[in-house]
Amino acid sequence: MEDQLIYYAVAIVAIIIALILLKRFVGCLFRTIVTVVLIAILAYIYFMYIK
C-alpha cells in the first residue's frame, strides 16, 4: 500500500514540474515558431515575386 502511495506522490510531483517547465518554455517556443513562419513567408515572397 505504501509503495503505491509513494508512486502516486512521485507521479504528481513529476506532473507539476512538467507543467511548470512547459509554462516557462511555451512563450519562447511560440515566439520561435512565429519567427520561423514569418521568415518562410518572406522567403516565399522573395523567390516568387522579386527574383
N, C-alpha and C. Protein backbone atom coordinates (compact mmCIF):
# COMPACT_ATOMS: atom_id res chain seq x y z
N MET A 1 0.83 -1.20 0.00
CA MET A 1 0.00 0.00 0.00
C MET A 1 0.87 1.25 0.00
N GLU A 2 1.93 1.25 0.78
CA GLU A 2 2.81 2.42 0.84
C GLU A 2 3.53 2.64 -0.49
N ASP A 3 3.88 1.56 -1.18
CA ASP A 3 4.57 1.69 -2.46
C ASP A 3 3.70 2.43 -3.47
N GLN A 4 2.40 2.11 -3.49
CA GLN A 4 1.50 2.79 -4.41
C GLN A 4 1.37 4.27 -4.05
N LEU A 5 1.32 4.57 -2.77
CA LEU A 5 1.20 5.96 -2.33
C LEU A 5 2.43 6.75 -2.74
N ILE A 6 3.60 6.17 -2.57
CA ILE A 6 4.85 6.83 -2.98
C ILE A 6 4.87 7.00 -4.50
N TYR A 7 4.43 5.99 -5.24
CA TYR A 7 4.39 6.06 -6.70
C TYR A 7 3.50 7.22 -7.15
N TYR A 8 2.30 7.33 -6.57
CA TYR A 8 1.38 8.40 -6.96
C TYR A 8 1.92 9.77 -6.55
N ALA A 9 2.56 9.86 -5.40
CA ALA A 9 3.14 11.13 -4.96
C ALA A 9 4.24 11.58 -5.93
N VAL A 10 5.09 10.65 -6.33
CA VAL A 10 6.16 10.98 -7.27
C VAL A 10 5.57 11.35 -8.63
N ALA A 11 4.53 10.66 -9.07
CA ALA A 11 3.89 10.96 -10.35
C ALA A 11 3.27 12.36 -10.32
N ILE A 12 2.63 12.72 -9.22
CA ILE A 12 2.02 14.06 -9.10
C ILE A 12 3.10 15.13 -9.11
N VAL A 13 4.19 14.92 -8.39
CA VAL A 13 5.30 15.88 -8.38
C VAL A 13 5.89 16.02 -9.78
N ALA A 14 6.05 14.91 -10.49
CA ALA A 14 6.60 14.96 -11.85
C ALA A 14 5.66 15.73 -12.78
N ILE A 15 4.36 15.55 -12.64
CA ILE A 15 3.40 16.27 -13.48
C ILE A 15 3.46 17.76 -13.19
N ILE A 16 3.55 18.13 -11.91
CA ILE A 16 3.63 19.54 -11.54
C ILE A 16 4.89 20.18 -12.11
N ILE A 17 6.03 19.50 -12.00
CA ILE A 17 7.29 20.02 -12.54
C ILE A 17 7.19 20.15 -14.06
N ALA A 18 6.59 19.17 -14.72
CA ALA A 18 6.45 19.24 -16.17
C ALA A 18 5.57 20.42 -16.58
N LEU A 19 4.49 20.66 -15.85
CA LEU A 19 3.61 21.80 -16.17
C LEU A 19 4.33 23.13 -15.97
N ILE A 20 5.13 23.24 -14.91
CA ILE A 20 5.87 24.48 -14.67
C ILE A 20 6.88 24.71 -15.80
N LEU A 21 7.61 23.66 -16.18
CA LEU A 21 8.59 23.81 -17.25
C LEU A 21 7.90 24.11 -18.58
N LEU A 22 6.78 23.46 -18.86
CA LEU A 22 6.03 23.70 -20.09
C LEU A 22 5.55 25.15 -20.15
N LYS A 23 5.04 25.64 -19.04
CA LYS A 23 4.55 27.01 -18.98
C LYS A 23 5.69 28.00 -19.22
N ARG A 24 6.87 27.70 -18.71
CA ARG A 24 8.02 28.59 -18.86
C ARG A 24 8.52 28.62 -20.29
N PHE A 25 8.51 27.47 -21.00
CA PHE A 25 9.09 27.38 -22.33
C PHE A 25 8.09 27.64 -23.46
N VAL A 26 6.80 27.65 -23.15
CA VAL A 26 5.81 27.83 -24.22
C VAL A 26 5.94 29.20 -24.86
N GLY A 27 6.19 30.24 -24.06
CA GLY A 27 6.34 31.59 -24.62
C GLY A 27 7.49 31.64 -25.60
N CYS A 28 8.62 31.08 -25.24
CA CYS A 28 9.80 31.08 -26.09
C CYS A 28 9.54 30.23 -27.34
N LEU A 29 8.93 29.10 -27.17
CA LEU A 29 8.63 28.21 -28.30
C LEU A 29 7.67 28.88 -29.26
N PHE A 30 6.65 29.55 -28.74
CA PHE A 30 5.66 30.23 -29.57
C PHE A 30 6.33 31.34 -30.39
N ARG A 31 7.21 32.12 -29.74
CA ARG A 31 7.92 33.18 -30.47
C ARG A 31 8.81 32.60 -31.56
N THR A 32 9.46 31.49 -31.28
CA THR A 32 10.32 30.85 -32.27
C THR A 32 9.51 30.37 -33.48
N ILE A 33 8.37 29.75 -33.23
CA ILE A 33 7.52 29.27 -34.32
C ILE A 33 7.03 30.44 -35.17
N VAL A 34 6.60 31.52 -34.53
CA VAL A 34 6.12 32.69 -35.27
C VAL A 34 7.24 33.27 -36.12
N THR A 35 8.45 33.35 -35.57
CA THR A 35 9.59 33.88 -36.32
C THR A 35 9.90 33.01 -37.53
N VAL A 36 9.90 31.70 -37.36
CA VAL A 36 10.19 30.79 -38.47
C VAL A 36 9.12 30.92 -39.56
N VAL A 37 7.86 31.04 -39.17
CA VAL A 37 6.78 31.18 -40.15
C VAL A 37 6.94 32.49 -40.92
N LEU A 38 7.25 33.58 -40.22
CA LEU A 38 7.45 34.86 -40.90
C LEU A 38 8.63 34.81 -41.87
N ILE A 39 9.71 34.19 -41.48
CA ILE A 39 10.87 34.06 -42.37
C ILE A 39 10.49 33.22 -43.60
N ALA A 40 9.73 32.17 -43.41
CA ALA A 40 9.30 31.34 -44.53
C ALA A 40 8.41 32.13 -45.49
N ILE A 41 7.50 32.94 -44.96
CA ILE A 41 6.63 33.76 -45.81
C ILE A 41 7.45 34.78 -46.58
N LEU A 42 8.39 35.43 -45.92
CA LEU A 42 9.24 36.41 -46.61
C LEU A 42 10.09 35.74 -47.69
N ALA A 43 10.61 34.55 -47.42
CA ALA A 43 11.40 33.83 -48.42
C ALA A 43 10.52 33.46 -49.61
N TYR A 44 9.31 33.03 -49.36
CA TYR A 44 8.38 32.69 -50.43
C TYR A 44 8.10 33.91 -51.31
N ILE A 45 7.81 35.04 -50.68
CA ILE A 45 7.55 36.27 -51.43
C ILE A 45 8.78 36.66 -52.24
N TYR A 46 9.95 36.55 -51.66
CA TYR A 46 11.17 36.91 -52.35
C TYR A 46 11.37 36.06 -53.60
N PHE A 47 11.26 34.74 -53.46
CA PHE A 47 11.52 33.85 -54.59
C PHE A 47 10.41 33.87 -55.63
N MET A 48 9.19 34.15 -55.24
CA MET A 48 8.08 34.12 -56.20
C MET A 48 7.91 35.44 -56.96
N TYR A 49 8.16 36.56 -56.31
CA TYR A 49 7.82 37.83 -56.93
C TYR A 49 9.02 38.72 -57.24
N ILE A 50 10.03 38.70 -56.41
CA ILE A 50 11.15 39.61 -56.59
C ILE A 50 12.20 39.02 -57.51
N LYS A 51 12.50 37.77 -57.38
CA LYS A 51 13.58 37.16 -58.15
C LYS A 51 13.13 36.79 -59.54
